[in-house]
Amino acid sequence: MTNDLRMMADKSGDPEGETGVITKTKPKTQRPPLYKVLLLNDDYTPMEFVVHVLERFFGMSHAHAFEIMLVVHKKGVAVVGVFSFEVAETKVAQVMDFARRHQHPLQCTMEKE
């Protein structure tokens, strides 16, 4: 009977009778890159329209939208939000379409953070 046990141990493929554990390392997932949405100043779009855009498409309060509009007016550009690529792209398209429909040359763009 002892010979049978030895033969079974030999057939297991582990000559010393030890067992090992195979571990897999999980790859670390990276956060997707973020994109800044920028509003650019022009000499024609009314300030009230810019405030309305900031309230409507970026969910800002009237006071915050007014502050950002002044930054755009004085510095020529302001970051109005930071989003994933898809969200930033959608916001830019919405603002540009809305401005065109109201015949304003307002420009909105995005860049990688």
PDB file of N, CA and C in Angstrom:
ATOM      1  N   MET A   1       0.811  -1.180   0.000  1.00  0.00           N
ATOM      2  CA  MET A   1       0.000   0.000   0.000  1.00  0.00           C
ATOM      3  C   MET A   1       0.859   1.251   0.000  1.00  0.00           C
ATOM      4  N   THR A   2       1.979   1.230   0.645  1.00  0.00           N
ATOM      5  CA  THR A   2       2.853   2.385   0.641  1.00  0.00           C
ATOM      6  C   THR A   2       3.398   2.664  -0.740  1.00  0.00           C
ATOM      7  N   ASN A   3       3.590   1.659  -1.553  1.00  0.00           N
ATOM      8  CA  ASN A   3       4.041   1.871  -2.925  1.00  0.00           C
ATOM      9  C   ASN A   3       2.990   2.618  -3.737  1.00  0.00           C
ATOM     10  N   ASP A   4       1.720   2.299  -3.508  1.00  0.00           N
ATOM     11  CA  ASP A   4       0.639   2.966  -4.219  1.00  0.00           C
ATOM     12  C   ASP A   4       0.611   4.467  -3.890  1.00  0.00           C
ATOM     13  N   LEU A   5       0.836   4.820  -2.630  1.00  0.00           N
ATOM     14  CA  LEU A   5       0.840   6.226  -2.238  1.00  0.00           C
ATOM     15  C   LEU A   5       2.006   6.975  -2.880  1.00  0.00           C
ATOM     16  N   ARG A   6       3.163   6.313  -2.967  1.00  0.00           N
ATOM     17  CA  ARG A   6       4.320   6.942  -3.601  1.00  0.00           C
ATOM     18  C   ARG A   6       4.052   7.176  -5.080  1.00  0.00           C
ATOM     19  N   MET A   7       3.421   6.222  -5.716  1.00  0.00           N
ATOM     20  CA  MET A   7       3.127   6.361  -7.139  1.00  0.00           C
ATOM     21  C   MET A   7       2.140   7.499  -7.376  1.00  0.00           C
ATOM     22  N   MET A   8       1.184   7.657  -6.484  1.00  0.00           N
ATOM     23  CA  MET A   8       0.208   8.729  -6.617  1.00  0.00           C
ATOM     24  C   MET A   8       0.887  10.086  -6.428  1.00  0.00           C
ATOM     25  N   ALA A   9       1.838  10.165  -5.480  1.00  0.00           N
ATOM     26  CA  ALA A   9       2.565  11.406  -5.251  1.00  0.00           C
ATOM     27  C   ALA A   9       3.408  11.752  -6.455  1.00  0.00           C
ATOM     28  N   ASP A  10       4.004  10.742  -7.101  1.00  0.00           N
ATOM     29  CA  ASP A  10       4.816  10.981  -8.283  1.00  0.00           C
ATOM     30  C   ASP A  10       3.973  11.473  -9.448  1.00  0.00           C
ATOM     31  N   LYS A  11       2.742  10.994  -9.572  1.00  0.00           N
ATOM     32  CA  LYS A  11       1.873  11.372 -10.681  1.00  0.00           C
ATOM     33  C   LYS A  11       1.331  12.793 -10.537  1.00  0.00           C
ATOM     34  N   SER A  12       1.359  13.336  -9.318  1.00  0.00           N
ATOM     35  CA  SER A  12       0.792  14.667  -9.109  1.00  0.00           C
ATOM     36  C   SER A  12       1.619  15.750  -9.775  1.00  0.00           C
ATOM     37  N   GLY A  13       2.852  15.462 -10.164  1.00  0.00           N
ATOM     38  CA  GLY A  13       3.683  16.446 -10.833  1.00  0.00           C
ATOM     39  C   GLY A  13       4.484  17.281  -9.864  1.00  0.00           C
ATOM     40  N   ASP A  14       4.304  17.093  -8.595  1.00  0.00           N
ATOM     41  CA  ASP A  14       5.054  17.835  -7.591  1.00  0.00           C
ATOM     42  C   ASP A  14       5.923  16.822  -6.850  1.00  0.00           C
ATOM     43  N   PRO A  15       7.190  16.659  -7.269  1.00  0.00           N
ATOM     44  CA  PRO A  15       8.017  15.586  -6.721  1.00  0.00           C
ATOM     45  C   PRO A  15       8.289  15.717  -5.231  1.00  0.00           C
ATOM     46  N   GLU A  16       8.253  16.905  -4.688  1.00  0.00           N
ATOM     47  CA  GLU A  16       8.557  17.064  -3.266  1.00  0.00           C
ATOM     48  C   GLU A  16       7.298  17.184  -2.422  1.00  0.00           C
ATOM     49  N   GLY A  17       6.150  17.109  -3.033  1.00  0.00           N
ATOM     50  CA  GLY A  17       4.899  17.167  -2.300  1.00  0.00           C
ATOM     51  C   GLY A  17       4.515  18.569  -1.846  1.00  0.00           C
ATOM     52  N   GLU A  18       5.169  19.614  -2.390  1.00  0.00           N
ATOM     53  CA  GLU A  18       4.853  20.998  -2.006  1.00  0.00           C
ATOM     54  C   GLU A  18       3.858  21.590  -2.992  1.00  0.00           C
ATOM     55  N   THR A  19       3.062  22.492  -2.517  1.00  0.00           N
ATOM     56  CA  THR A  19       2.133  23.176  -3.410  1.00  0.00           C
ATOM     57  C   THR A  19       2.465  24.655  -3.415  1.00  0.00           C
ATOM     58  N   GLY A  20       2.279  25.294  -4.545  1.00  0.00           N
ATOM     59  CA  GLY A  20       2.552  26.729  -4.678  1.00  0.00           C
ATOM     60  C   GLY A  20       1.279  27.470  -5.024  1.00  0.00           C
ATOM     61  N   VAL A  21       1.283  28.739  -4.766  1.00  0.00           N
ATOM     62  CA  VAL A  21       0.132  29.575  -5.086  1.00  0.00           C
ATOM     63  C   VAL A  21       0.562  30.568  -6.150  1.00  0.00           C
ATOM     64  N   ILE A  22      -0.181  30.605  -7.214  1.00  0.00           N
ATOM     65  CA  ILE A  22       0.102  31.564  -8.279  1.00  0.00           C
ATOM     66  C   ILE A  22      -0.716  32.811  -8.001  1.00  0.00           C
ATOM     67  N   THR A  23      -0.041  33.922  -7.940  1.00  0.00           N
ATOM     68  CA  THR A  23      -0.757  35.181  -7.697  1.00  0.00           C
ATOM     69  C   THR A  23      -0.660  36.046  -8.938  1.00  0.00           C
ATOM     70  N   LYS A  24      -1.744  36.709  -9.233  1.00  0.00           N
ATOM     71  CA  LYS A  24      -1.773  37.649 -10.343  1.00  0.00           C
ATOM     72  C   LYS A  24      -1.825  39.052  -9.768  1.00  0.00           C
ATOM     73  N   THR A  25      -1.000  39.931 -10.315  1.00  0.00           N
ATOM     74  CA  THR A  25      -1.048  41.318  -9.858  1.00  0.00           C
ATOM     75  C   THR A  25      -2.039  42.066 -10.741  1.00  0.00           C
ATOM     76  N   LYS A  26      -2.894  42.802 -10.104  1.00  0.00           N
ATOM     77  CA  LYS A  26      -3.870  43.591 -10.850  1.00  0.00           C
ATOM     78  C   LYS A  26      -3.189  44.862 -11.353  1.00  0.00           C
ATOM     79  N   PRO A  27      -3.395  45.195 -12.615  1.00  0.00           N
ATOM     80  CA  PRO A  27      -2.817  46.450 -13.101  1.00  0.00           C
ATOM     81  C   PRO A  27      -3.545  47.631 -12.461  1.00  0.00           C
ATOM     82  N   LYS A  28      -2.790  48.644 -12.112  1.00  0.00           N
ATOM     83  CA  LYS A  28      -3.411  49.826 -11.517  1.00  0.00           C
ATOM     84  C   LYS A  28      -4.092  50.620 -12.622  1.00  0.00           C
ATOM     85  N   THR A  29      -5.339  50.971 -12.357  1.00  0.00           N
ATOM     86  CA  THR A  29      -6.055  51.771 -13.344  1.00  0.00           C
ATOM     87  C   THR A  29      -5.745  53.240 -13.099  1.00  0.00           C
ATOM     88  N   GLN A  30      -5.511  53.933 -14.200  1.00  0.00           N
ATOM     89  CA  GLN A  30      -5.218  55.358 -14.104  1.00  0.00           C
ATOM     90  C   GLN A  30      -6.510  56.145 -14.258  1.00  0.00           C
ATOM     91  N   ARG A  31      -6.550  57.284 -13.596  1.00  0.00           N
ATOM     92  CA  ARG A  31      -7.701  58.165 -13.763  1.00  0.00           C
ATOM     93  C   ARG A  31      -7.617  58.789 -15.147  1.00  0.00           C
ATOM     94  N   PRO A  32      -8.759  58.976 -15.791  1.00  0.00           N
ATOM     95  CA  PRO A  32      -8.716  59.590 -17.120  1.00  0.00           C
ATOM     96  C   PRO A  32      -8.244  61.037 -17.010  1.00  0.00           C
ATOM     97  N   PRO A  33      -7.567  61.524 -18.042  1.00  0.00           N
ATOM     98  CA  PRO A  33      -7.106  62.914 -17.997  1.00  0.00           C
ATOM     99  C   PRO A  33      -8.285  63.880 -17.957  1.00  0.00           C
ATOM    100  N   LEU A  34      -8.076  65.012 -17.331  1.00  0.00           N
ATOM    101  CA  LEU A  34      -9.123  66.029 -17.240  1.00  0.00           C
ATOM    102  C   LEU A  34      -8.828  67.162 -18.214  1.00  0.00           C
ATOM    103  N   TYR A  35      -9.885  67.848 -18.599  1.00  0.00           N
ATOM    104  CA  TYR A  35      -9.786  68.931 -19.571  1.00  0.00           C
ATOM    105  C   TYR A  35     -10.429  70.196 -19.022  1.00  0.00           C
ATOM    106  N   LYS A  36      -9.714  71.306 -19.205  1.00  0.00           N
ATOM    107  CA  LYS A  36     -10.236  72.614 -18.797  1.00  0.00           C
ATOM    108  C   LYS A  36     -11.093  73.163 -19.931  1.00  0.00           C
ATOM    109  N   VAL A  37     -12.250  73.681 -19.578  1.00  0.00           N
ATOM    110  CA  VAL A  37     -13.095  74.371 -20.549  1.00  0.00           C
ATOM    111  C   VAL A  37     -12.842  75.861 -20.355  1.00  0.00           C
ATOM    112  N   LEU A  38     -12.490  76.523 -21.449  1.00  0.00           N
ATOM    113  CA  LEU A  38     -12.112  77.938 -21.411  1.00  0.00           C
ATOM    114  C   LEU A  38     -13.112  78.774 -22.189  1.00  0.00           C
ATOM    115  N   LEU A  39     -13.423  79.929 -21.648  1.00  0.00           N
ATOM    116  CA  LEU A  39     -14.281  80.890 -22.325  1.00  0.00           C
ATOM    117  C   LEU A  39     -13.392  82.059 -22.738  1.00  0.00           C
ATOM    118  N   LEU A  40     -13.497  82.471 -23.997  1.00  0.00           N
ATOM    119  CA  LEU A  40     -12.635  83.522 -24.539  1.00  0.00           C
ATOM    120  C   LEU A  40     -13.416  84.827 -24.714  1.00  0.00           C
ATOM    121  N   ASN A  41     -12.734  85.911 -24.477  1.00  0.00           N
ATOM    122  CA  ASN A  41     -13.350  87.228 -24.606  1.00  0.00           C
ATOM    123  C   ASN A  41     -13.432  87.650 -26.068  1.00  0.00           C
ATOM    124  N   ASP A  42     -14.443  88.426 -26.389  1.00  0.00           N
ATOM    125  CA  ASP A  42     -14.536  89.095 -27.686  1.00  0.00           C
ATOM    126  C   ASP A  42     -15.151  90.465 -27.449  1.00  0.00           C
ATOM    127  N   ASP A  43     -15.133  91.286 -28.457  1.00  0.00           N
ATOM    128  CA  ASP A  43     -15.616  92.667 -28.301  1.00  0.00           C
ATOM    129  C   ASP A  43     -17.099  92.827 -28.606  1.00  0.00           C
ATOM    130  N   TYR A  44     -17.806  91.740 -28.892  1.00  0.00           N
ATOM    131  CA  TYR A  44     -19.178  91.865 -29.355  1.00  0.00           C
ATOM    132  C   TYR A  44     -20.222  91.176 -28.483  1.00  0.00           C
ATOM    133  N   THR A  45     -19.864  90.071 -27.852  1.00  0.00           N
ATOM    134  CA  THR A  45     -20.842  89.339 -27.054  1.00  0.00           C
ATOM    135  C   THR A  45     -21.181  90.117 -25.792  1.00  0.00           C
ATOM    136  N   PRO A  46     -22.461  90.379 -25.541  1.00  0.00           N
ATOM    137  CA  PRO A  46     -22.854  91.125 -24.338  1.00  0.00           C
ATOM    138  C   PRO A  46     -22.487  90.364 -23.055  1.00  0.00           C
ATOM    139  N   MET A  47     -22.126  91.111 -22.043  1.00  0.00           N
ATOM    140  CA  MET A  47     -21.749  90.524 -20.763  1.00  0.00           C
ATOM    141  C   MET A  47     -22.901  89.707 -20.169  1.00  0.00           C
ATOM    142  N   GLU A  48     -24.113  90.191 -20.334  1.00  0.00           N
ATOM    143  CA  GLU A  48     -25.281  89.480 -19.806  1.00  0.00           C
ATOM    144  C   GLU A  48     -25.429  88.104 -20.441  1.00  0.00           C
ATOM    145  N   PHE A  49     -25.102  88.020 -21.737  1.00  0.00           N
ATOM    146  CA  PHE A  49     -25.184  86.736 -22.431  1.00  0.00           C
ATOM    147  C   PHE A  49     -24.166  85.751 -21.862  1.00  0.00           C
ATOM    148  N   VAL A  50     -22.956  86.229 -21.596  1.00  0.00           N
ATOM    149  CA  VAL A  50     -21.913  85.382 -21.016  1.00  0.00           C
ATOM    150  C   VAL A  50     -22.342  84.875 -19.641  1.00  0.00           C
ATOM    151  N   VAL A  51     -22.915  85.749 -18.834  1.00  0.00           N
ATOM    152  CA  VAL A  51     -23.410  85.351 -17.515  1.00  0.00           C
ATOM    153  C   VAL A  51     -24.483  84.271 -17.674  1.00  0.00           C
ATOM    154  N   HIS A  52     -25.388  84.465 -18.622  1.00  0.00           N
ATOM    155  CA  HIS A  52     -26.451  83.484 -18.865  1.00  0.00           C
ATOM    156  C   HIS A  52     -25.863  82.128 -19.268  1.00  0.00           C
ATOM    157  N   VAL A  53     -24.861  82.125 -20.129  1.00  0.00           N
ATOM    158  CA  VAL A  53     -24.201  80.880 -20.566  1.00  0.00           C
ATOM    159  C   VAL A  53     -23.579  80.164 -19.365  1.00  0.00           C
ATOM    160  N   LEU A  54     -22.907  80.907 -18.513  1.00  0.00           N
ATOM    161  CA  LEU A  54     -22.257  80.303 -17.342  1.00  0.00           C
ATOM    162  C   LEU A  54     -23.276  79.705 -16.379  1.00  0.00           C
ATOM    163  N   GLU A  55     -24.387  80.377 -16.220  1.00  0.00           N
ATOM    164  CA  GLU A  55     -25.446  79.853 -15.346  1.00  0.00           C
ATOM    165  C   GLU A  55     -26.083  78.604 -15.958  1.00  0.00           C
ATOM    166  N   ARG A  56     -26.389  78.690 -17.235  1.00  0.00           N
ATOM    167  CA  ARG A  56     -27.135  77.614 -17.902  1.00  0.00           C
ATOM    168  C   ARG A  56     -26.310  76.345 -18.125  1.00  0.00           C
ATOM    169  N   PHE A  57     -25.086  76.488 -18.623  1.00  0.00           N
ATOM    170  CA  PHE A  57     -24.310  75.310 -19.017  1.00  0.00           C
ATOM    171  C   PHE A  57     -23.303  74.844 -17.963  1.00  0.00           C
ATOM    172  N   PHE A  58     -23.014  75.694 -16.997  1.00  0.00           N
ATOM    173  CA  PHE A  58     -22.017  75.318 -15.994  1.00  0.00           C
ATOM    174  C   PHE A  58     -22.574  75.352 -14.576  1.00  0.00           C
ATOM    175  N   GLY A  59     -23.878  75.616 -14.453  1.00  0.00           N
ATOM    176  CA  GLY A  59     -24.559  75.536 -13.167  1.00  0.00           C
ATOM    177  C   GLY A  59     -24.082  76.533 -12.129  1.00  0.00           C
ATOM    178  N   MET A  60     -23.561  77.662 -12.579  1.00  0.00           N
ATOM    179  CA  MET A  60     -23.055  78.665 -11.637  1.00  0.00           C
ATOM    180  C   MET A  60     -24.188  79.538 -11.118  1.00  0.00           C
ATOM    181  N   SER A  61     -23.989  80.029  -9.909  1.00  0.00           N
ATOM    182  CA  SER A  61     -24.928  81.023  -9.376  1.00  0.00           C
ATOM    183  C   SER A  61     -24.726  82.317 -10.162  1.00  0.00           C
ATOM    184  N   HIS A  62     -25.676  83.216 -10.045  1.00  0.00           N
ATOM    185  CA  HIS A  62     -25.558  84.483 -10.773  1.00  0.00           C
ATOM    186  C   HIS A  62     -24.302  85.253 -10.327  1.00  0.00           C
ATOM    187  N   ALA A  63     -24.047  85.280  -9.022  1.00  0.00           N
ATOM    188  CA  ALA A  63     -22.885  86.016  -8.503  1.00  0.00           C
ATOM    189  C   ALA A  63     -21.571  85.412  -9.006  1.00  0.00           C
ATOM    190  N   HIS A  64     -21.476  84.085  -8.982  1.00  0.00           N
ATOM    191  CA  HIS A  64     -20.252  83.423  -9.445  1.00  0.00           C
ATOM    192  C   HIS A  64     -20.077  83.609 -10.946  1.00  0.00           C
ATOM    193  N   ALA A  65     -21.167  83.481 -11.697  1.00  0.00           N
ATOM    194  CA  ALA A  65     -21.114  83.677 -13.150  1.00  0.00           C
ATOM    195  C   ALA A  65     -20.672  85.099 -13.483  1.00  0.00           C
ATOM    196  N   PHE A  66     -21.150  86.066 -12.713  1.00  0.00           N
ATOM    197  CA  PHE A  66     -20.768  87.462 -12.937  1.00  0.00           C
ATOM    198  C   PHE A  66     -19.266  87.657 -12.695  1.00  0.00           C
ATOM    199  N   GLU A  67     -18.749  87.033 -11.630  1.00  0.00           N
ATOM    200  CA  GLU A  67     -17.307  87.127 -11.333  1.00  0.00           C
ATOM    201  C   GLU A  67     -16.469  86.522 -12.461  1.00  0.00           C
ATOM    202  N   ILE A  68     -16.868  85.361 -12.944  1.00  0.00           N
ATOM    203  CA  ILE A  68     -16.121  84.704 -14.025  1.00  0.00           C
ATOM    204  C   ILE A  68     -16.205  85.529 -15.305  1.00  0.00           C
ATOM    205  N   MET A  69     -17.366  86.079 -15.583  1.00  0.00           N
ATOM    206  CA  MET A  69     -17.527  86.931 -16.768  1.00  0.00           C
ATOM    207  C   MET A  69     -16.559  88.107 -16.703  1.00  0.00           C
ATOM    208  N   LEU A  70     -16.383  88.699 -15.519  1.00  0.00           N
ATOM    209  CA  LEU A  70     -15.445  89.820 -15.383  1.00  0.00           C
ATOM    210  C   LEU A  70     -14.005  89.375 -15.615  1.00  0.00           C
ATOM    211  N   VAL A  71     -13.671  88.172 -15.177  1.00  0.00           N
ATOM    212  CA  VAL A  71     -12.324  87.636 -15.439  1.00  0.00           C
ATOM    213  C   VAL A  71     -12.117  87.480 -16.944  1.00  0.00           C
ATOM    214  N   VAL A  72     -13.107  86.916 -17.622  1.00  0.00           N
ATOM    215  CA  VAL A  72     -13.024  86.763 -19.077  1.00  0.00           C
ATOM    216  C   VAL A  72     -12.860  88.133 -19.725  1.00  0.00           C
ATOM    217  N   HIS A  73     -13.638  89.084 -19.281  1.00  0.00           N
ATOM    218  CA  HIS A  73     -13.609  90.435 -19.854  1.00  0.00           C
ATOM    219  C   HIS A  73     -12.254  91.116 -19.637  1.00  0.00           C
ATOM    220  N   LYS A  74     -11.701  90.999 -18.441  1.00  0.00           N
ATOM    221  CA  LYS A  74     -10.456  91.702 -18.109  1.00  0.00           C
ATOM    222  C   LYS A  74      -9.202  90.973 -18.573  1.00  0.00           C
ATOM    223  N   LYS A  75      -9.197  89.643 -18.455  1.00  0.00           N
ATOM    224  CA  LYS A  75      -7.986  88.877 -18.792  1.00  0.00           C
ATOM    225  C   LYS A  75      -8.031  88.238 -20.174  1.00  0.00           C
ATOM    226  N   GLY A  76      -9.208  88.222 -20.786  1.00  0.00           N
ATOM    227  CA  GLY A  76      -9.321  87.658 -22.124  1.00  0.00           C
ATOM    228  C   GLY A  76      -9.693  86.187 -22.163  1.00  0.00           C
ATOM    229  N   VAL A  77      -9.535  85.497 -21.047  1.00  0.00           N
ATOM    230  CA  VAL A  77      -9.861  84.072 -20.988  1.00  0.00           C
ATOM    231  C   VAL A  77     -10.055  83.671 -19.530  1.00  0.00           C
ATOM    232  N   ALA A  78     -10.884  82.655 -19.304  1.00  0.00           N
ATOM    233  CA  ALA A  78     -11.065  82.121 -17.951  1.00  0.00           C
ATOM    234  C   ALA A  78     -11.442  80.652 -18.044  1.00  0.00           C
ATOM    235  N   VAL A  79     -10.975  79.889 -17.073  1.00  0.00           N
ATOM    236  CA  VAL A  79     -11.382  78.486 -16.953  1.00  0.00           C
ATOM    237  C   VAL A  79     -12.759  78.480 -16.304  1.00  0.00           C
ATOM    238  N   VAL A  80     -13.714  77.839 -16.977  1.00  0.00           N
ATOM    239  CA  VAL A  80     -15.083  77.809 -16.442  1.00  0.00           C
ATOM    240  C   VAL A  80     -15.462  76.442 -15.899  1.00  0.00           C
ATOM    241  N   GLY A  81     -14.566  75.465 -16.031  1.00  0.00           N
ATOM    242  CA  GLY A  81     -14.814  74.140 -15.474  1.00  0.00           C
ATOM    243  C   GLY A  81     -13.737  73.156 -15.898  1.00  0.00           C
ATOM    244  N   VAL A  82     -13.637  72.070 -15.155  1.00  0.00           N
ATOM    245  CA  VAL A  82     -12.684  70.996 -15.465  1.00  0.00           C
ATOM    246  C   VAL A  82     -13.467  69.691 -15.470  1.00  0.00           C
ATOM    247  N   PHE A  83     -13.372  68.959 -16.588  1.00  0.00           N
ATOM    248  CA  PHE A  83     -14.217  67.791 -16.798  1.00  0.00           C
ATOM    249  C   PHE A  83     -13.449  66.679 -17.500  1.00  0.00           C
ATOM    250  N   SER A  84     -14.074  65.507 -17.584  1.00  0.00           N
ATOM    251  CA  SER A  84     -13.534  64.432 -18.419  1.00  0.00           C
ATOM    252  C   SER A  84     -13.636  64.896 -19.875  1.00  0.00           C
ATOM    253  N   PHE A  85     -12.945  64.210 -20.767  1.00  0.00           N
ATOM    254  CA  PHE A  85     -12.925  64.617 -22.170  1.00  0.00           C
ATOM    255  C   PHE A  85     -14.329  64.732 -22.757  1.00  0.00           C
ATOM    256  N   GLU A  86     -15.143  63.712 -22.551  1.00  0.00           N
ATOM    257  CA  GLU A  86     -16.477  63.682 -23.157  1.00  0.00           C
ATOM    258  C   GLU A  86     -17.361  64.813 -22.641  1.00  0.00           C
ATOM    259  N   VAL A  87     -17.312  65.061 -21.349  1.00  0.00           N
ATOM    260  CA  VAL A  87     -18.133  66.127 -20.763  1.00  0.00           C
ATOM    261  C   VAL A  87     -17.638  67.487 -21.260  1.00  0.00           C
ATOM    262  N   ALA A  88     -16.327  67.700 -21.270  1.00  0.00           N
ATOM    263  CA  ALA A  88     -15.769  68.970 -21.738  1.00  0.00           C
ATOM    264  C   ALA A  88     -16.141  69.209 -23.200  1.00  0.00           C
ATOM    265  N   GLU A  89     -16.012  68.181 -24.011  1.00  0.00           N
ATOM    266  CA  GLU A  89     -16.341  68.295 -25.430  1.00  0.00           C
ATOM    267  C   GLU A  89     -17.808  68.664 -25.625  1.00  0.00           C
ATOM    268  N   THR A  90     -18.674  68.059 -24.845  1.00  0.00           N
ATOM    269  CA  THR A  90     -20.109  68.348 -24.929  1.00  0.00           C
ATOM    270  C   THR A  90     -20.401  69.780 -24.512  1.00  0.00           C
ATOM    271  N   LYS A  91     -19.785  70.229 -23.421  1.00  0.00           N
ATOM    272  CA  LYS A  91     -20.026  71.599 -22.938  1.00  0.00           C
ATOM    273  C   LYS A  91     -19.569  72.619 -23.987  1.00  0.00           C
ATOM    274  N   VAL A  92     -18.396  72.396 -24.579  1.00  0.00           N
ATOM    275  CA  VAL A  92     -17.892  73.306 -25.612  1.00  0.00           C
ATOM    276  C   VAL A  92     -18.878  73.367 -26.778  1.00  0.00           C
ATOM    277  N   ALA A  93     -19.335  72.213 -27.229  1.00  0.00           N
ATOM    278  CA  ALA A  93     -20.283  72.177 -28.351  1.00  0.00           C
ATOM    279  C   ALA A  93     -21.592  72.880 -27.999  1.00  0.00           C
ATOM    280  N   GLN A  94     -22.090  72.669 -26.790  1.00  0.00           N
ATOM    281  CA  GLN A  94     -23.341  73.307 -26.368  1.00  0.00           C
ATOM    282  C   GLN A  94     -23.205  74.833 -26.351  1.00  0.00           C
ATOM    283  N   VAL A  95     -22.110  75.319 -25.784  1.00  0.00           N
ATOM    284  CA  VAL A  95     -21.899  76.772 -25.689  1.00  0.00           C
ATOM    285  C   VAL A  95     -21.753  77.377 -27.083  1.00  0.00           C
ATOM    286  N   MET A  96     -20.954  76.733 -27.926  1.00  0.00           N
ATOM    287  CA  MET A  96     -20.737  77.269 -29.275  1.00  0.00           C
ATOM    288  C   MET A  96     -22.043  77.288 -30.080  1.00  0.00           C
ATOM    289  N   ASP A  97     -22.828  76.235 -29.967  1.00  0.00           N
ATOM    290  CA  ASP A  97     -24.100  76.163 -30.680  1.00  0.00           C
ATOM    291  C   ASP A  97     -25.073  77.231 -30.171  1.00  0.00           C
ATOM    292  N   PHE A  98     -25.143  77.373 -28.856  1.00  0.00           N
ATOM    293  CA  PHE A  98     -26.030  78.361 -28.248  1.00  0.00           C
ATOM    294  C   PHE A  98     -25.638  79.784 -28.676  1.00  0.00           C
ATOM    295  N   ALA A  99     -24.341  80.061 -28.673  1.00  0.00           N
ATOM    296  CA  ALA A  99     -23.865  81.393 -29.083  1.00  0.00           C
ATOM    297  C   ALA A  99     -24.189  81.652 -30.557  1.00  0.00           C
ATOM    298  N   ARG A 100     -23.968  80.661 -31.407  1.00  0.00           N
ATOM    299  CA  ARG A 100     -24.261  80.822 -32.833  1.00  0.00           C
ATOM    300  C   ARG A 100     -25.745  81.062 -33.066  1.00  0.00           C
ATOM    301  N   ARG A 101     -26.590  80.308 -32.344  1.00  0.00           N
ATOM    302  CA  ARG A 101     -28.038  80.469 -32.512  1.00  0.00           C
ATOM    303  C   ARG A 101     -28.503  81.857 -32.095  1.00  0.00           C
ATOM    304  N   HIS A 102     -27.777  82.486 -31.182  1.00  0.00           N
ATOM    305  CA  HIS A 102     -28.124  83.834 -30.741  1.00  0.00           C
ATOM    306  C   HIS A 102     -27.257  84.890 -31.422  1.00  0.00           C
ATOM    307  N   GLN A 103     -26.548  84.485 -32.456  1.00  0.00           N
ATOM    308  CA  GLN A 103     -25.738  85.372 -33.303  1.00  0.00           C
ATOM    309  C   GLN A 103     -24.672  86.138 -32.523  1.00  0.00           C
ATOM    310  N   HIS A 104     -23.993  85.406 -31.637  1.00  0.00           N
ATOM    311  CA  HIS A 104     -22.876  85.989 -30.888  1.00  0.00           C
ATOM    312  C   HIS A 104     -21.599  85.224 -31.244  1.00  0.00           C
ATOM    313  N   PRO A 105     -20.467  85.929 -31.332  1.00  0.00           N
ATOM    314  CA  PRO A 105     -19.200  85.270 -31.694  1.00  0.00           C
ATOM    315  C   PRO A 105     -18.455  84.654 -30.500  1.00  0.00           C
ATOM    316  N   LEU A 106     -19.141  84.415 -29.418  1.00  0.00           N
ATOM    317  CA  LEU A 106     -18.513  83.855 -28.215  1.00  0.00           C
ATOM    318  C   LEU A 106     -17.769  82.564 -28.556  1.00  0.00           C
ATOM    319  N   GLN A 107     -16.559  82.450 -28.075  1.00  0.00           N
ATOM    320  CA  GLN A 107     -15.742  81.261 -28.312  1.00  0.00           C
ATOM    321  C   GLN A 107     -15.511  80.497 -27.023  1.00  0.00           C
ATOM    322  N   CYS A 108     -15.596  79.186 -27.127  1.00  0.00           N
ATOM    323  CA  CYS A 108     -15.366  78.295 -25.998  1.00  0.00           C
ATOM    324  C   CYS A 108     -14.456  77.181 -26.512  1.00  0.00           C
ATOM    325  N   THR A 109     -13.463  76.830 -25.720  1.00  0.00           N
ATOM    326  CA  THR A 109     -12.528  75.799 -26.145  1.00  0.00           C
ATOM    327  C   THR A 109     -12.141  74.935 -24.945  1.00  0.00           C
ATOM    328  N   MET A 110     -11.348  73.917 -25.210  1.00  0.00           N
ATOM    329  CA  MET A 110     -10.908  73.034 -24.123  1.00  0.00           C
ATOM    330  C   MET A 110      -9.444  72.685 -24.332  1.00  0.00           C
ATOM    331  N   GLU A 111      -8.771  72.412 -23.217  1.00  0.00           N
ATOM    332  CA  GLU A 111      -7.387  71.958 -23.302  1.00  0.00           C
ATOM    333  C   GLU A 111      -7.101  71.011 -22.160  1.00  0.00           C
ATOM    334  N   LYS A 112      -6.161  70.124 -22.384  1.00  0.00           N
ATOM    335  CA  LYS A 112      -5.807  69.124 -21.376  1.00  0.00           C
ATOM    336  C   LYS A 112      -5.210  69.810 -20.170  1.00  0.00           C
ATOM    337  N   GLU A 113      -5.624  69.348 -18.998  1.00  0.00           N
ATOM    338  CA  GLU A 113      -5.147  69.971 -17.756  1.00  0.00           C
ATOM    339  C   GLU A 113      -3.719  69.564 -17.480  1.00  0.00           C
TER     340      GLU A 113
END
